[in-house]
Amino acid sequence: MNWKVLDHVPVLLYILAAKTLILCLTFAGVKLYQKRRLDAKIQRLEAEKKQSEKKEN
């Protein structure tokens, strides 16, 4: 077995941790973007509903 590989284990763990952090932040960002988009769509639909109710009265 090549024991020199074990000298690089901390560096590999840091790389793995950084990659995991980047993936988690990306996932959270996508979820936040989707939520904002959905909220905007709901607001737009509610505004259209209010407008249609005003026109009927």
PDB file of N, CA and C in Angstrom:
ATOM      1  N   MET A   1       0.848  -1.193   0.000  1.00  0.00           N
ATOM      2  CA  MET A   1       0.000   0.000   0.000  1.00  0.00           C
ATOM      3  C   MET A   1       0.883   1.242   0.000  1.00  0.00           C
ATOM      4  N   ASN A   2       0.419   2.247  -0.690  1.00  0.00           N
ATOM      5  CA  ASN A   2       1.172   3.489  -0.792  1.00  0.00           C
ATOM      6  C   ASN A   2       0.824   4.392   0.390  1.00  0.00           C
ATOM      7  N   TRP A   3       1.733   4.502   1.347  1.00  0.00           N
ATOM      8  CA  TRP A   3       1.471   5.259   2.564  1.00  0.00           C
ATOM      9  C   TRP A   3       1.548   6.762   2.341  1.00  0.00           C
ATOM     10  N   LYS A   4       2.121   7.196   1.228  1.00  0.00           N
ATOM     11  CA  LYS A   4       2.199   8.635   0.952  1.00  0.00           C
ATOM     12  C   LYS A   4       0.816   9.214   0.661  1.00  0.00           C
ATOM     13  N   VAL A   5      -0.107   8.365   0.251  1.00  0.00           N
ATOM     14  CA  VAL A   5      -1.474   8.822  -0.007  1.00  0.00           C
ATOM     15  C   VAL A   5      -2.113   9.329   1.284  1.00  0.00           C
ATOM     16  N   LEU A   6      -1.769   8.708   2.404  1.00  0.00           N
ATOM     17  CA  LEU A   6      -2.351   9.111   3.685  1.00  0.00           C
ATOM     18  C   LEU A   6      -1.937  10.521   4.092  1.00  0.00           C
ATOM     19  N   ASP A   7      -0.847  11.021   3.538  1.00  0.00           N
ATOM     20  CA  ASP A   7      -0.432  12.394   3.827  1.00  0.00           C
ATOM     21  C   ASP A   7      -1.415  13.406   3.239  1.00  0.00           C
ATOM     22  N   HIS A   8      -2.167  13.008   2.218  1.00  0.00           N
ATOM     23  CA  HIS A   8      -3.079  13.923   1.524  1.00  0.00           C
ATOM     24  C   HIS A   8      -4.521  13.813   2.019  1.00  0.00           C
ATOM     25  N   VAL A   9      -4.762  12.969   3.012  1.00  0.00           N
ATOM     26  CA  VAL A   9      -6.127  12.767   3.506  1.00  0.00           C
ATOM     27  C   VAL A   9      -6.755  14.062   4.022  1.00  0.00           C
ATOM     28  N   PRO A  10      -6.069  14.880   4.833  1.00  0.00           N
ATOM     29  CA  PRO A  10      -6.712  16.124   5.292  1.00  0.00           C
ATOM     30  C   PRO A  10      -7.114  17.041   4.133  1.00  0.00           C
ATOM     31  N   VAL A  11      -6.278  17.132   3.129  1.00  0.00           N
ATOM     32  CA  VAL A  11      -6.599  17.973   1.970  1.00  0.00           C
ATOM     33  C   VAL A  11      -7.827  17.422   1.260  1.00  0.00           C
ATOM     34  N   LEU A  12      -7.897  16.117   1.112  1.00  0.00           N
ATOM     35  CA  LEU A  12      -9.049  15.512   0.444  1.00  0.00           C
ATOM     36  C   LEU A  12     -10.323  15.717   1.255  1.00  0.00           C
ATOM     37  N   LEU A  13     -10.210  15.662   2.581  1.00  0.00           N
ATOM     38  CA  LEU A  13     -11.379  15.904   3.416  1.00  0.00           C
ATOM     39  C   LEU A  13     -11.852  17.355   3.310  1.00  0.00           C
ATOM     40  N   TYR A  14     -10.921  18.296   3.241  1.00  0.00           N
ATOM     41  CA  TYR A  14     -11.298  19.696   3.056  1.00  0.00           C
ATOM     42  C   TYR A  14     -11.994  19.892   1.712  1.00  0.00           C
ATOM     43  N   ILE A  15     -11.486  19.249   0.678  1.00  0.00           N
ATOM     44  CA  ILE A  15     -12.110  19.352  -0.640  1.00  0.00           C
ATOM     45  C   ILE A  15     -13.525  18.764  -0.598  1.00  0.00           C
ATOM     46  N   LEU A  16     -13.684  17.630   0.045  1.00  0.00           N
ATOM     47  CA  LEU A  16     -14.999  17.011   0.169  1.00  0.00           C
ATOM     48  C   LEU A  16     -15.955  17.903   0.957  1.00  0.00           C
ATOM     49  N   ALA A  17     -15.478  18.491   2.036  1.00  0.00           N
ATOM     50  CA  ALA A  17     -16.318  19.383   2.844  1.00  0.00           C
ATOM     51  C   ALA A  17     -16.727  20.617   2.031  1.00  0.00           C
ATOM     52  N   ALA A  18     -15.780  21.184   1.286  1.00  0.00           N
ATOM     53  CA  ALA A  18     -16.091  22.356   0.468  1.00  0.00           C
ATOM     54  C   ALA A  18     -17.113  22.010  -0.611  1.00  0.00           C
ATOM     55  N   LYS A  19     -16.942  20.862  -1.239  1.00  0.00           N
ATOM     56  CA  LYS A  19     -17.876  20.434  -2.274  1.00  0.00           C
ATOM     57  C   LYS A  19     -19.270  20.239  -1.695  1.00  0.00           C
ATOM     58  N   THR A  20     -19.348  19.633  -0.526  1.00  0.00           N
ATOM     59  CA  THR A  20     -20.635  19.417   0.132  1.00  0.00           C
ATOM     60  C   THR A  20     -21.291  20.741   0.481  1.00  0.00           C
ATOM     61  N   LEU A  21     -20.511  21.679   0.992  1.00  0.00           N
ATOM     62  CA  LEU A  21     -21.044  22.992   1.343  1.00  0.00           C
ATOM     63  C   LEU A  21     -21.574  23.714   0.107  1.00  0.00           C
ATOM     64  N   ILE A  22     -20.836  23.662  -0.975  1.00  0.00           N
ATOM     65  CA  ILE A  22     -21.271  24.301  -2.215  1.00  0.00           C
ATOM     66  C   ILE A  22     -22.575  23.686  -2.715  1.00  0.00           C
ATOM     67  N   LEU A  23     -22.662  22.356  -2.673  1.00  0.00           N
ATOM     68  CA  LEU A  23     -23.893  21.698  -3.115  1.00  0.00           C
ATOM     69  C   LEU A  23     -25.081  22.073  -2.234  1.00  0.00           C
ATOM     70  N   CYS A  24     -24.877  22.126  -0.929  1.00  0.00           N
ATOM     71  CA  CYS A  24     -25.967  22.493  -0.013  1.00  0.00           C
ATOM     72  C   CYS A  24     -26.425  23.929  -0.244  1.00  0.00           C
ATOM     73  N   LEU A  25     -25.483  24.844  -0.412  1.00  0.00           N
ATOM     74  CA  LEU A  25     -25.840  26.238  -0.656  1.00  0.00           C
ATOM     75  C   LEU A  25     -26.561  26.393  -1.991  1.00  0.00           C
ATOM     76  N   THR A  26     -26.129  25.646  -2.989  1.00  0.00           N
ATOM     77  CA  THR A  26     -26.792  25.694  -4.286  1.00  0.00           C
ATOM     78  C   THR A  26     -28.228  25.185  -4.168  1.00  0.00           C
ATOM     79  N   PHE A  27     -28.405  24.079  -3.481  1.00  0.00           N
ATOM     80  CA  PHE A  27     -29.739  23.518  -3.294  1.00  0.00           C
ATOM     81  C   PHE A  27     -30.637  24.506  -2.553  1.00  0.00           C
ATOM     82  N   ALA A  28     -30.114  25.125  -1.506  1.00  0.00           N
ATOM     83  CA  ALA A  28     -30.895  26.093  -0.744  1.00  0.00           C
ATOM     84  C   ALA A  28     -31.246  27.304  -1.605  1.00  0.00           C
ATOM     85  N   GLY A  29     -30.318  27.743  -2.429  1.00  0.00           N
ATOM     86  CA  GLY A  29     -30.572  28.864  -3.324  1.00  0.00           C
ATOM     87  C   GLY A  29     -31.663  28.558  -4.331  1.00  0.00           C
ATOM     88  N   VAL A  30     -31.645  27.357  -4.878  1.00  0.00           N
ATOM     89  CA  VAL A  30     -32.671  26.958  -5.841  1.00  0.00           C
ATOM     90  C   VAL A  30     -34.029  26.907  -5.161  1.00  0.00           C
ATOM     91  N   LYS A  31     -34.086  26.356  -3.951  1.00  0.00           N
ATOM     92  CA  LYS A  31     -35.349  26.295  -3.216  1.00  0.00           C
ATOM     93  C   LYS A  31     -35.879  27.701  -2.920  1.00  0.00           C
ATOM     94  N   LEU A  32     -34.999  28.608  -2.542  1.00  0.00           N
ATOM     95  CA  LEU A  32     -35.400  29.986  -2.265  1.00  0.00           C
ATOM     96  C   LEU A  32     -35.928  30.653  -3.526  1.00  0.00           C
ATOM     97  N   TYR A  33     -35.247  30.426  -4.644  1.00  0.00           N
ATOM     98  CA  TYR A  33     -35.691  30.989  -5.925  1.00  0.00           C
ATOM     99  C   TYR A  33     -37.072  30.462  -6.291  1.00  0.00           C
ATOM    100  N   GLN A  34     -37.296  29.151  -6.125  1.00  0.00           N
ATOM    101  CA  GLN A  34     -38.590  28.558  -6.447  1.00  0.00           C
ATOM    102  C   GLN A  34     -39.685  29.125  -5.550  1.00  0.00           C
ATOM    103  N   LYS A  35     -39.392  29.318  -4.276  1.00  0.00           N
ATOM    104  CA  LYS A  35     -40.386  29.851  -3.350  1.00  0.00           C
ATOM    105  C   LYS A  35     -40.759  31.277  -3.724  1.00  0.00           C
ATOM    106  N   ARG A  36     -39.772  32.094  -4.045  1.00  0.00           N
ATOM    107  CA  ARG A  36     -40.058  33.476  -4.442  1.00  0.00           C
ATOM    108  C   ARG A  36     -40.899  33.518  -5.707  1.00  0.00           C
ATOM    109  N   ARG A  37     -40.566  32.657  -6.655  1.00  0.00           N
ATOM    110  CA  ARG A  37     -41.313  32.606  -7.905  1.00  0.00           C
ATOM    111  C   ARG A  37     -42.762  32.185  -7.656  1.00  0.00           C
ATOM    112  N   LEU A  38     -42.951  31.199  -6.802  1.00  0.00           N
ATOM    113  CA  LEU A  38     -44.295  30.731  -6.475  1.00  0.00           C
ATOM    114  C   LEU A  38     -45.082  31.817  -5.739  1.00  0.00           C
ATOM    115  N   ASP A  39     -44.441  32.508  -4.799  1.00  0.00           N
ATOM    116  CA  ASP A  39     -45.114  33.593  -4.081  1.00  0.00           C
ATOM    117  C   ASP A  39     -45.537  34.707  -5.033  1.00  0.00           C
ATOM    118  N   ALA A  40     -44.690  35.044  -5.984  1.00  0.00           N
ATOM    119  CA  ALA A  40     -45.028  36.081  -6.957  1.00  0.00           C
ATOM    120  C   ALA A  40     -46.216  35.638  -7.807  1.00  0.00           C
ATOM    121  N   LYS A  41     -46.237  34.387  -8.185  1.00  0.00           N
ATOM    122  CA  LYS A  41     -47.349  33.868  -8.987  1.00  0.00           C
ATOM    123  C   LYS A  41     -48.653  33.915  -8.192  1.00  0.00           C
ATOM    124  N   ILE A  42     -48.594  33.536  -6.918  1.00  0.00           N
ATOM    125  CA  ILE A  42     -49.785  33.577  -6.064  1.00  0.00           C
ATOM    126  C   ILE A  42     -50.278  35.010  -5.910  1.00  0.00           C
ATOM    127  N   GLN A  43     -49.375  35.957  -5.698  1.00  0.00           N
ATOM    128  CA  GLN A  43     -49.764  37.361  -5.576  1.00  0.00           C
ATOM    129  C   GLN A  43     -50.434  37.858  -6.850  1.00  0.00           C
ATOM    130  N   ARG A  44     -49.870  37.482  -7.989  1.00  0.00           N
ATOM    131  CA  ARG A  44     -50.436  37.907  -9.265  1.00  0.00           C
ATOM    132  C   ARG A  44     -51.843  37.337  -9.453  1.00  0.00           C
ATOM    133  N   LEU A  45     -52.031  36.071  -9.098  1.00  0.00           N
ATOM    134  CA  LEU A  45     -53.349  35.456  -9.220  1.00  0.00           C
ATOM    135  C   LEU A  45     -54.365  36.103  -8.283  1.00  0.00           C
ATOM    136  N   GLU A  46     -53.940  36.437  -7.070  1.00  0.00           N
ATOM    137  CA  GLU A  46     -54.837  37.106  -6.132  1.00  0.00           C
ATOM    138  C   GLU A  46     -55.219  38.499  -6.627  1.00  0.00           C
ATOM    139  N   ALA A  47     -54.257  39.204  -7.213  1.00  0.00           N
ATOM    140  CA  ALA A  47     -54.549  40.532  -7.752  1.00  0.00           C
ATOM    141  C   ALA A  47     -55.537  40.429  -8.917  1.00  0.00           C
ATOM    142  N   GLU A  48     -55.367  39.443  -9.782  1.00  0.00           N
ATOM    143  CA  GLU A  48     -56.299  39.256 -10.886  1.00  0.00           C
ATOM    144  C   GLU A  48     -57.692  38.903 -10.369  1.00  0.00           C
ATOM    145  N   LYS A  49     -57.754  38.107  -9.315  1.00  0.00           N
ATOM    146  CA  LYS A  49     -59.029  37.725  -8.731  1.00  0.00           C
ATOM    147  C   LYS A  49     -59.746  38.945  -8.155  1.00  0.00           C
ATOM    148  N   LYS A  50     -58.997  39.816  -7.468  1.00  0.00           N
ATOM    149  CA  LYS A  50     -59.584  41.032  -6.912  1.00  0.00           C
ATOM    150  C   LYS A  50     -60.090  41.947  -8.023  1.00  0.00           C
ATOM    151  N   GLN A  51     -59.320  42.039  -9.110  1.00  0.00           N
ATOM    152  CA  GLN A  51     -59.737  42.883 -10.229  1.00  0.00           C
ATOM    153  C   GLN A  51     -61.019  42.350 -10.848  1.00  0.00           C
ATOM    154  N   SER A  52     -61.120  41.052 -10.998  1.00  0.00           N
ATOM    155  CA  SER A  52     -62.317  40.473 -11.605  1.00  0.00           C
ATOM    156  C   SER A  52     -63.523  40.644 -10.688  1.00  0.00           C
ATOM    157  N   GLU A  53     -63.307  40.603  -9.376  1.00  0.00           N
ATOM    158  CA  GLU A  53     -64.410  40.830  -8.429  1.00  0.00           C
ATOM    159  C   GLU A  53     -64.870  42.271  -8.489  1.00  0.00           C
ATOM    160  N   LYS A  54     -63.956  43.216  -8.645  1.00  0.00           N
ATOM    161  CA  LYS A  54     -64.326  44.630  -8.749  1.00  0.00           C
ATOM    162  C   LYS A  54     -65.122  44.897 -10.025  1.00  0.00           C
ATOM    163  N   LYS A  55     -64.731  44.251 -11.108  1.00  0.00           N
ATOM    164  CA  LYS A  55     -65.441  44.450 -12.384  1.00  0.00           C
ATOM    165  C   LYS A  55     -66.856  43.899 -12.323  1.00  0.00           C
ATOM    166  N   GLU A  56     -67.052  42.816 -11.586  1.00  0.00           N
ATOM    167  CA  GLU A  56     -68.374  42.205 -11.466  1.00  0.00           C
ATOM    168  C   GLU A  56     -69.307  43.075 -10.636  1.00  0.00           C
ATOM    169  N   ASN A  57     -68.756  43.803  -9.657  1.00  0.00           N
ATOM    170  CA  ASN A  57     -69.601  44.652  -8.791  1.00  0.00           C
ATOM    171  C   ASN A  57     -69.834  45.958  -9.447  1.00  0.00           C
TER     172      ASN A  57
END
